Amino acid sequence: VVQSGASMCMARMVESAASPPVTSFQKLCPRIC
């Protein structure tokens, strides 16, 4: 439940960024893999 909630939050965080800090977001990819 917690893992799933945190994942939902992260997706929403990425989508809602006013102007996405792309370089910082790209760093999430290896950890998600």
PDB file of all heavy atoms in Angstrom:
ATOM      1  N   VAL A   1       0.832  -1.206   0.000  1.00  0.00           N
ATOM      2  CA  VAL A   1       0.000   0.000   0.000  1.00  0.00           C
ATOM      3  C   VAL A   1       0.868   1.258   0.000  1.00  0.00           C
ATOM      4  O   VAL A   1       0.624   2.207  -0.740  1.00  0.00           O
ATOM      5  CB  VAL A   1      -0.963  -0.019   1.215  1.00  0.00           C
ATOM      6  CG1 VAL A   1      -1.609   1.339   1.425  1.00  0.00           C
ATOM      7  CG2 VAL A   1      -2.035  -1.083   1.014  1.00  0.00           C
ATOM      8  N   VAL A   2       1.916   1.233   0.831  1.00  0.00           N
ATOM      9  CA  VAL A   2       2.810   2.394   0.929  1.00  0.00           C
ATOM     10  C   VAL A   2       3.633   2.544  -0.359  1.00  0.00           C
ATOM     11  O   VAL A   2       3.762   3.640  -0.900  1.00  0.00           O
ATOM     12  CB  VAL A   2       3.741   2.258   2.163  1.00  0.00           C
ATOM     13  CG1 VAL A   2       4.779   3.371   2.176  1.00  0.00           C
ATOM     14  CG2 VAL A   2       2.912   2.294   3.447  1.00  0.00           C
ATOM     15  N   GLN A   3       4.158   1.419  -0.864  1.00  0.00           N
ATOM     16  CA  GLN A   3       4.936   1.467  -2.113  1.00  0.00           C
ATOM     17  C   GLN A   3       4.081   2.033  -3.245  1.00  0.00           C
ATOM     18  O   GLN A   3       4.525   2.866  -4.039  1.00  0.00           O
ATOM     19  CB  GLN A   3       5.402   0.055  -2.506  1.00  0.00           C
ATOM     20  CG  GLN A   3       6.468  -0.533  -1.590  1.00  0.00           C
ATOM     21  CD  GLN A   3       6.863  -1.936  -2.017  1.00  0.00           C
ATOM     22  OE1 GLN A   3       6.248  -2.545  -2.887  1.00  0.00           O
ATOM     23  NE2 GLN A   3       7.894  -2.482  -1.389  1.00  0.00           N
ATOM     24  N   SER A   4       2.859   1.578  -3.293  1.00  0.00           N
ATOM     25  CA  SER A   4       1.954   1.996  -4.358  1.00  0.00           C
ATOM     26  C   SER A   4       1.598   3.476  -4.208  1.00  0.00           C
ATOM     27  O   SER A   4       1.589   4.237  -5.187  1.00  0.00           O
ATOM     28  CB  SER A   4       0.715   1.103  -4.295  1.00  0.00           C
ATOM     29  OG  SER A   4      -0.271   1.609  -5.123  1.00  0.00           O
ATOM     30  N   GLY A   5       1.330   3.907  -2.977  1.00  0.00           N
ATOM     31  CA  GLY A   5       1.013   5.321  -2.731  1.00  0.00           C
ATOM     32  C   GLY A   5       2.167   6.232  -3.104  1.00  0.00           C
ATOM     33  O   GLY A   5       1.985   7.285  -3.721  1.00  0.00           O
ATOM     34  N   ALA A   6       3.387   5.814  -2.745  1.00  0.00           N
ATOM     35  CA  ALA A   6       4.566   6.630  -3.055  1.00  0.00           C
ATOM     36  C   ALA A   6       4.773   6.712  -4.574  1.00  0.00           C
ATOM     37  O   ALA A   6       5.163   7.753  -5.108  1.00  0.00           O
ATOM     38  CB  ALA A   6       5.804   6.036  -2.379  1.00  0.00           C
ATOM     39  N   SER A   7       4.476   5.613  -5.272  1.00  0.00           N
ATOM     40  CA  SER A   7       4.606   5.611  -6.737  1.00  0.00           C
ATOM     41  C   SER A   7       3.597   6.562  -7.373  1.00  0.00           C
ATOM     42  O   SER A   7       3.937   7.334  -8.275  1.00  0.00           O
ATOM     43  CB  SER A   7       4.392   4.194  -7.278  1.00  0.00           C
ATOM     44  OG  SER A   7       5.328   3.292  -6.721  1.00  0.00           O
ATOM     45  N   MET A   8       2.354   6.510  -6.878  1.00  0.00           N
ATOM     46  CA  MET A   8       1.311   7.430  -7.387  1.00  0.00           C
ATOM     47  C   MET A   8       1.729   8.881  -7.163  1.00  0.00           C
ATOM     48  O   MET A   8       1.526   9.737  -8.025  1.00  0.00           O
ATOM     49  CB  MET A   8      -0.014   7.213  -6.630  1.00  0.00           C
ATOM     50  CG  MET A   8      -0.774   5.961  -6.974  1.00  0.00           C
ATOM     51  SD  MET A   8      -2.472   5.951  -6.268  1.00  0.00           S
ATOM     52  CE  MET A   8      -2.369   6.823  -4.714  1.00  0.00           C
ATOM     53  N   CYS A   9       2.311   9.144  -5.978  1.00  0.00           N
ATOM     54  CA  CYS A   9       2.755  10.509  -5.667  1.00  0.00           C
ATOM     55  C   CYS A   9       3.852  10.952  -6.627  1.00  0.00           C
ATOM     56  O   CYS A   9       3.867  12.090  -7.088  1.00  0.00           O
ATOM     57  CB  CYS A   9       3.283  10.584  -4.237  1.00  0.00           C
ATOM     58  SG  CYS A   9       2.001  10.549  -2.968  1.00  0.00           S
ATOM     59  N   MET A  10       4.775  10.024  -6.937  1.00  0.00           N
ATOM     60  CA  MET A  10       5.887  10.397  -7.809  1.00  0.00           C
ATOM     61  C   MET A  10       5.399  10.701  -9.225  1.00  0.00           C
ATOM     62  O   MET A  10       5.840  11.674  -9.852  1.00  0.00           O
ATOM     63  CB  MET A  10       6.954   9.304  -7.825  1.00  0.00           C
ATOM     64  CG  MET A  10       8.224   9.761  -8.501  1.00  0.00           C
ATOM     65  SD  MET A  10       9.592   8.581  -8.330  1.00  0.00           S
ATOM     66  CE  MET A  10      10.110   8.879  -6.638  1.00  0.00           C
ATOM     67  N   ALA A  11       4.461   9.886  -9.720  1.00  0.00           N
ATOM     68  CA  ALA A  11       3.923  10.149 -11.062  1.00  0.00           C
ATOM     69  C   ALA A  11       3.259  11.526 -11.088  1.00  0.00           C
ATOM     70  O   ALA A  11       3.457  12.313 -12.017  1.00  0.00           O
ATOM     71  CB  ALA A  11       2.910   9.065 -11.446  1.00  0.00           C
ATOM     72  N   ARG A  12       2.486  11.828 -10.043  1.00  0.00           N
ATOM     73  CA  ARG A  12       1.791  13.119  -9.985  1.00  0.00           C
ATOM     74  C   ARG A  12       2.780  14.277  -9.848  1.00  0.00           C
ATOM     75  O   ARG A  12       2.594  15.341 -10.445  1.00  0.00           O
ATOM     76  CB  ARG A  12       0.801  13.102  -8.818  1.00  0.00           C
ATOM     77  CG  ARG A  12      -0.067  14.346  -8.706  1.00  0.00           C
ATOM     78  CD  ARG A  12      -0.940  14.587  -9.922  1.00  0.00           C
ATOM     79  NE  ARG A  12      -1.935  13.565 -10.127  1.00  0.00           N
ATOM     80  CZ  ARG A  12      -3.161  13.583  -9.577  1.00  0.00           C
ATOM     81  NH1 ARG A  12      -3.519  14.565  -8.779  1.00  0.00           N
ATOM     82  NH2 ARG A  12      -4.015  12.613  -9.847  1.00  0.00           N
ATOM     83  N   MET A  13       3.858  14.054  -9.081  1.00  0.00           N
ATOM     84  CA  MET A  13       4.885  15.084  -8.925  1.00  0.00           C
ATOM     85  C   MET A  13       5.498  15.437 -10.284  1.00  0.00           C
ATOM     86  O   MET A  13       5.678  16.602 -10.628  1.00  0.00           O
ATOM     87  CB  MET A  13       5.983  14.582  -7.983  1.00  0.00           C
ATOM     88  CG  MET A  13       7.196  15.488  -7.923  1.00  0.00           C
ATOM     89  SD  MET A  13       8.709  14.637  -7.404  1.00  0.00           S
ATOM     90  CE  MET A  13       9.222  13.811  -8.913  1.00  0.00           C
ATOM     91  N   VAL A  14       5.798  14.396 -11.081  1.00  0.00           N
ATOM     92  CA  VAL A  14       6.413  14.613 -12.399  1.00  0.00           C
ATOM     93  C   VAL A  14       5.453  15.362 -13.319  1.00  0.00           C
ATOM     94  O   VAL A  14       5.830  16.334 -13.981  1.00  0.00           O
ATOM     95  CB  VAL A  14       6.839  13.266 -13.026  1.00  0.00           C
ATOM     96  CG1 VAL A  14       7.242  13.448 -14.481  1.00  0.00           C
ATOM     97  CG2 VAL A  14       7.984  12.638 -12.225  1.00  0.00           C
ATOM     98  N   GLU A  15       4.188  14.935 -13.333  1.00  0.00           N
ATOM     99  CA  GLU A  15       3.212  15.549 -14.250  1.00  0.00           C
ATOM    100  C   GLU A  15       2.871  16.980 -13.869  1.00  0.00           C
ATOM    101  O   GLU A  15       2.490  17.775 -14.714  1.00  0.00           O
ATOM    102  CB  GLU A  15       1.900  14.756 -14.236  1.00  0.00           C
ATOM    103  CG  GLU A  15       1.980  13.431 -14.940  1.00  0.00           C
ATOM    104  CD  GLU A  15       0.853  12.501 -14.508  1.00  0.00           C
ATOM    105  OE1 GLU A  15      -0.196  12.994 -14.049  1.00  0.00           O
ATOM    106  OE2 GLU A  15       1.040  11.277 -14.617  1.00  0.00           O
ATOM    107  N   SER A  16       2.968  17.292 -12.558  1.00  0.00           N
ATOM    108  CA  SER A  16       2.457  18.584 -12.085  1.00  0.00           C
ATOM    109  C   SER A  16       3.507  19.680 -12.041  1.00  0.00           C
ATOM    110  O   SER A  16       3.184  20.828 -11.756  1.00  0.00           O
ATOM    111  CB  SER A  16       1.859  18.433 -10.678  1.00  0.00           C
ATOM    112  OG  SER A  16       0.896  17.419 -10.665  1.00  0.00           O
ATOM    113  N   ALA A  17       4.770  19.323 -12.265  1.00  0.00           N
ATOM    114  CA  ALA A  17       5.825  20.334 -12.194  1.00  0.00           C
ATOM    115  C   ALA A  17       5.513  21.459 -13.173  1.00  0.00           C
ATOM    116  O   ALA A  17       5.232  21.205 -14.343  1.00  0.00           O
ATOM    117  CB  ALA A  17       7.174  19.701 -12.513  1.00  0.00           C
ATOM    118  N   ALA A  18       5.563  22.700 -12.684  1.00  0.00           N
ATOM    119  CA  ALA A  18       5.150  23.842 -13.502  1.00  0.00           C
ATOM    120  C   ALA A  18       5.995  23.934 -14.771  1.00  0.00           C
ATOM    121  O   ALA A  18       5.483  24.125 -15.864  1.00  0.00           O
ATOM    122  CB  ALA A  18       5.245  25.119 -12.689  1.00  0.00           C
ATOM    123  N   SER A  19       7.319  23.825 -14.602  1.00  0.00           N
ATOM    124  CA  SER A  19       8.173  23.669 -15.784  1.00  0.00           C
ATOM    125  C   SER A  19       9.177  22.599 -15.397  1.00  0.00           C
ATOM    126  O   SER A  19      10.032  22.828 -14.563  1.00  0.00           O
ATOM    127  CB  SER A  19       8.865  24.978 -16.165  1.00  0.00           C
ATOM    128  OG  SER A  19       9.293  25.668 -15.013  1.00  0.00           O
ATOM    129  N   PRO A  20       9.005  21.404 -15.954  1.00  0.00           N
ATOM    130  CA  PRO A  20       9.722  20.233 -15.445  1.00  0.00           C
ATOM    131  C   PRO A  20      11.239  20.397 -15.466  1.00  0.00           C
ATOM    132  O   PRO A  20      11.805  20.741 -16.508  1.00  0.00           O
ATOM    133  CB  PRO A  20       9.305  19.119 -16.406  1.00  0.00           C
ATOM    134  CG  PRO A  20       8.219  19.657 -17.240  1.00  0.00           C
ATOM    135  CD  PRO A  20       8.187  21.129 -17.119  1.00  0.00           C
ATOM    136  N   PRO A  21      11.908  20.213 -14.314  1.00  0.00           N
ATOM    137  CA  PRO A  21      13.374  20.218 -14.286  1.00  0.00           C
ATOM    138  C   PRO A  21      13.871  18.903 -14.884  1.00  0.00           C
ATOM    139  O   PRO A  21      14.119  17.934 -14.167  1.00  0.00           O
ATOM    140  CB  PRO A  21      13.716  20.343 -12.802  1.00  0.00           C
ATOM    141  CG  PRO A  21      12.461  20.061 -12.045  1.00  0.00           C
ATOM    142  CD  PRO A  21      11.317  20.003 -12.989  1.00  0.00           C
ATOM    143  N   VAL A  22      13.964  18.872 -16.206  1.00  0.00           N
ATOM    144  CA  VAL A  22      14.171  17.628 -16.947  1.00  0.00           C
ATOM    145  C   VAL A  22      15.427  16.879 -16.494  1.00  0.00           C
ATOM    146  O   VAL A  22      15.389  15.669 -16.263  1.00  0.00           O
ATOM    147  CB  VAL A  22      14.226  17.909 -18.470  1.00  0.00           C
ATOM    148  CG1 VAL A  22      14.612  16.651 -19.238  1.00  0.00           C
ATOM    149  CG2 VAL A  22      12.864  18.412 -18.942  1.00  0.00           C
ATOM    150  N   THR A  23      16.538  17.611 -16.336  1.00  0.00           N
ATOM    151  CA  THR A  23      17.787  16.947 -15.948  1.00  0.00           C
ATOM    152  C   THR A  23      17.628  16.196 -14.629  1.00  0.00           C
ATOM    153  O   THR A  23      18.092  15.061 -14.485  1.00  0.00           O
ATOM    154  CB  THR A  23      18.920  17.984 -15.812  1.00  0.00           C
ATOM    155  OG1 THR A  23      18.804  18.913 -16.889  1.00  0.00           O
ATOM    156  CG2 THR A  23      20.280  17.334 -15.884  1.00  0.00           C
ATOM    157  N   SER A  24      16.962  16.826 -13.669  1.00  0.00           N
ATOM    158  CA  SER A  24      16.754  16.170 -12.371  1.00  0.00           C
ATOM    159  C   SER A  24      15.826  14.968 -12.517  1.00  0.00           C
ATOM    160  O   SER A  24      16.036  13.937 -11.879  1.00  0.00           O
ATOM    161  CB  SER A  24      16.133  17.140 -11.369  1.00  0.00           C
ATOM    162  OG  SER A  24      16.909  18.294 -11.257  1.00  0.00           O
ATOM    163  N   PHE A  25      14.805  15.108 -13.331  1.00  0.00           N
ATOM    164  CA  PHE A  25      13.860  14.006 -13.527  1.00  0.00           C
ATOM    165  C   PHE A  25      14.527  12.809 -14.228  1.00  0.00           C
ATOM    166  O   PHE A  25      14.215  11.664 -13.945  1.00  0.00           O
ATOM    167  CB  PHE A  25      12.642  14.471 -14.331  1.00  0.00           C
ATOM    168  CG  PHE A  25      11.626  15.247 -13.526  1.00  0.00           C
ATOM    169  CD1 PHE A  25      10.570  15.901 -14.155  1.00  0.00           C
ATOM    170  CD2 PHE A  25      11.697  15.302 -12.141  1.00  0.00           C
ATOM    171  CE1 PHE A  25       9.610  16.607 -13.423  1.00  0.00           C
ATOM    172  CE2 PHE A  25      10.748  16.008 -11.395  1.00  0.00           C
ATOM    173  CZ  PHE A  25       9.701  16.658 -12.040  1.00  0.00           C
ATOM    174  N   GLN A  26      15.457  13.104 -15.161  1.00  0.00           N
ATOM    175  CA  GLN A  26      16.133  12.007 -15.869  1.00  0.00           C
ATOM    176  C   GLN A  26      16.883  11.108 -14.892  1.00  0.00           C
ATOM    177  O   GLN A  26      17.029   9.909 -15.112  1.00  0.00           O
ATOM    178  CB  GLN A  26      17.116  12.561 -16.903  1.00  0.00           C
ATOM    179  CG  GLN A  26      16.427  13.094 -18.150  1.00  0.00           C
ATOM    180  CD  GLN A  26      17.426  13.572 -19.194  1.00  0.00           C
ATOM    181  OE1 GLN A  26      18.548  13.960 -18.871  1.00  0.00           O
ATOM    182  NE2 GLN A  26      17.013  13.548 -20.445  1.00  0.00           N
ATOM    183  N   LYS A  27      17.346  11.700 -13.788  1.00  0.00           N
ATOM    184  CA  LYS A  27      18.112  10.922 -12.797  1.00  0.00           C
ATOM    185  C   LYS A  27      17.241   9.886 -12.088  1.00  0.00           C
ATOM    186  O   LYS A  27      17.756   9.009 -11.392  1.00  0.00           O
ATOM    187  CB  LYS A  27      18.730  11.864 -11.759  1.00  0.00           C
ATOM    188  CG  LYS A  27      19.763  12.809 -12.341  1.00  0.00           C
ATOM    189  CD  LYS A  27      20.556  13.509 -11.234  1.00  0.00           C
ATOM    190  CE  LYS A  27      21.594  14.463 -11.808  1.00  0.00           C
ATOM    191  NZ  LYS A  27      21.214  15.872 -11.613  1.00  0.00           N
ATOM    192  N   LEU A  28      15.928   9.993 -12.221  1.00  0.00           N
ATOM    193  CA  LEU A  28      15.047   9.018 -11.573  1.00  0.00           C
ATOM    194  C   LEU A  28      15.059   7.681 -12.312  1.00  0.00           C
ATOM    195  O   LEU A  28      14.776   6.632 -11.718  1.00  0.00           O
ATOM    196  CB  LEU A  28      13.601   9.542 -11.533  1.00  0.00           C
ATOM    197  CG  LEU A  28      13.352  10.898 -10.868  1.00  0.00           C
ATOM    198  CD1 LEU A  28      11.877  11.259 -10.942  1.00  0.00           C
ATOM    199  CD2 LEU A  28      13.817  10.883  -9.429  1.00  0.00           C
ATOM    200  N   CYS A  29      15.374   7.714 -13.605  1.00  0.00           N
ATOM    201  CA  CYS A  29      15.236   6.502 -14.437  1.00  0.00           C
ATOM    202  C   CYS A  29      15.994   5.286 -13.904  1.00  0.00           C
ATOM    203  O   CYS A  29      15.399   4.215 -13.754  1.00  0.00           O
ATOM    204  CB  CYS A  29      15.627   6.803 -15.882  1.00  0.00           C
ATOM    205  SG  CYS A  29      14.475   7.933 -16.709  1.00  0.00           S
ATOM    206  N   PRO A  30      17.289   5.407 -13.579  1.00  0.00           N
ATOM    207  CA  PRO A  30      18.013   4.216 -13.112  1.00  0.00           C
ATOM    208  C   PRO A  30      17.401   3.636 -11.831  1.00  0.00           C
ATOM    209  O   PRO A  30      17.344   2.420 -11.664  1.00  0.00           O
ATOM    210  CB  PRO A  30      19.432   4.740 -12.850  1.00  0.00           C
ATOM    211  CG  PRO A  30      19.554   5.994 -13.641  1.00  0.00           C
ATOM    212  CD  PRO A  30      18.179   6.583 -13.717  1.00  0.00           C
ATOM    213  N   ARG A  31      16.942   4.521 -10.938  1.00  0.00           N
ATOM    214  CA  ARG A  31      16.383   4.027  -9.671  1.00  0.00           C
ATOM    215  C   ARG A  31      15.055   3.318  -9.904  1.00  0.00           C
ATOM    216  O   ARG A  31      14.726   2.347  -9.226  1.00  0.00           O
ATOM    217  CB  ARG A  31      16.216   5.197  -8.695  1.00  0.00           C
ATOM    218  CG  ARG A  31      17.538   5.847  -8.355  1.00  0.00           C
ATOM    219  CD  ARG A  31      17.397   6.943  -7.328  1.00  0.00           C
ATOM    220  NE  ARG A  31      17.080   6.417  -6.011  1.00  0.00           N
ATOM    221  CZ  ARG A  31      17.047   7.181  -4.915  1.00  0.00           C
ATOM    222  NH1 ARG A  31      17.319   8.471  -5.017  1.00  0.00           N
ATOM    223  NH2 ARG A  31      16.739   6.661  -3.754  1.00  0.00           N
ATOM    224  N   ILE A  32      14.290   3.811 -10.874  1.00  0.00           N
ATOM    225  CA  ILE A  32      13.011   3.171 -11.196  1.00  0.00           C
ATOM    226  C   ILE A  32      13.264   1.787 -11.814  1.00  0.00           C
ATOM    227  O   ILE A  32      12.599   0.808 -11.455  1.00  0.00           O
ATOM    228  CB  ILE A  32      12.187   4.082 -12.125  1.00  0.00           C
ATOM    229  CG1 ILE A  32      11.688   5.300 -11.328  1.00  0.00           C
ATOM    230  CG2 ILE A  32      11.003   3.321 -12.731  1.00  0.00           C
ATOM    231  CD1 ILE A  32      11.101   6.408 -12.155  1.00  0.00           C
ATOM    232  N   CYS A  33      14.251   1.709 -12.712  1.00  0.00           N
ATOM    233  CA  CYS A  33      14.628   0.407 -13.312  1.00  0.00           C
ATOM    234  C   CYS A  33      14.952  -0.605 -12.224  1.00  0.00           C
ATOM    235  O   CYS A  33      14.532  -1.758 -12.272  1.00  0.00           O
ATOM    236  CB  CYS A  33      15.872   0.543 -14.181  1.00  0.00           C
ATOM    237  SG  CYS A  33      15.535   1.301 -15.745  1.00  0.00           S
TER     238      CYS A  33
END
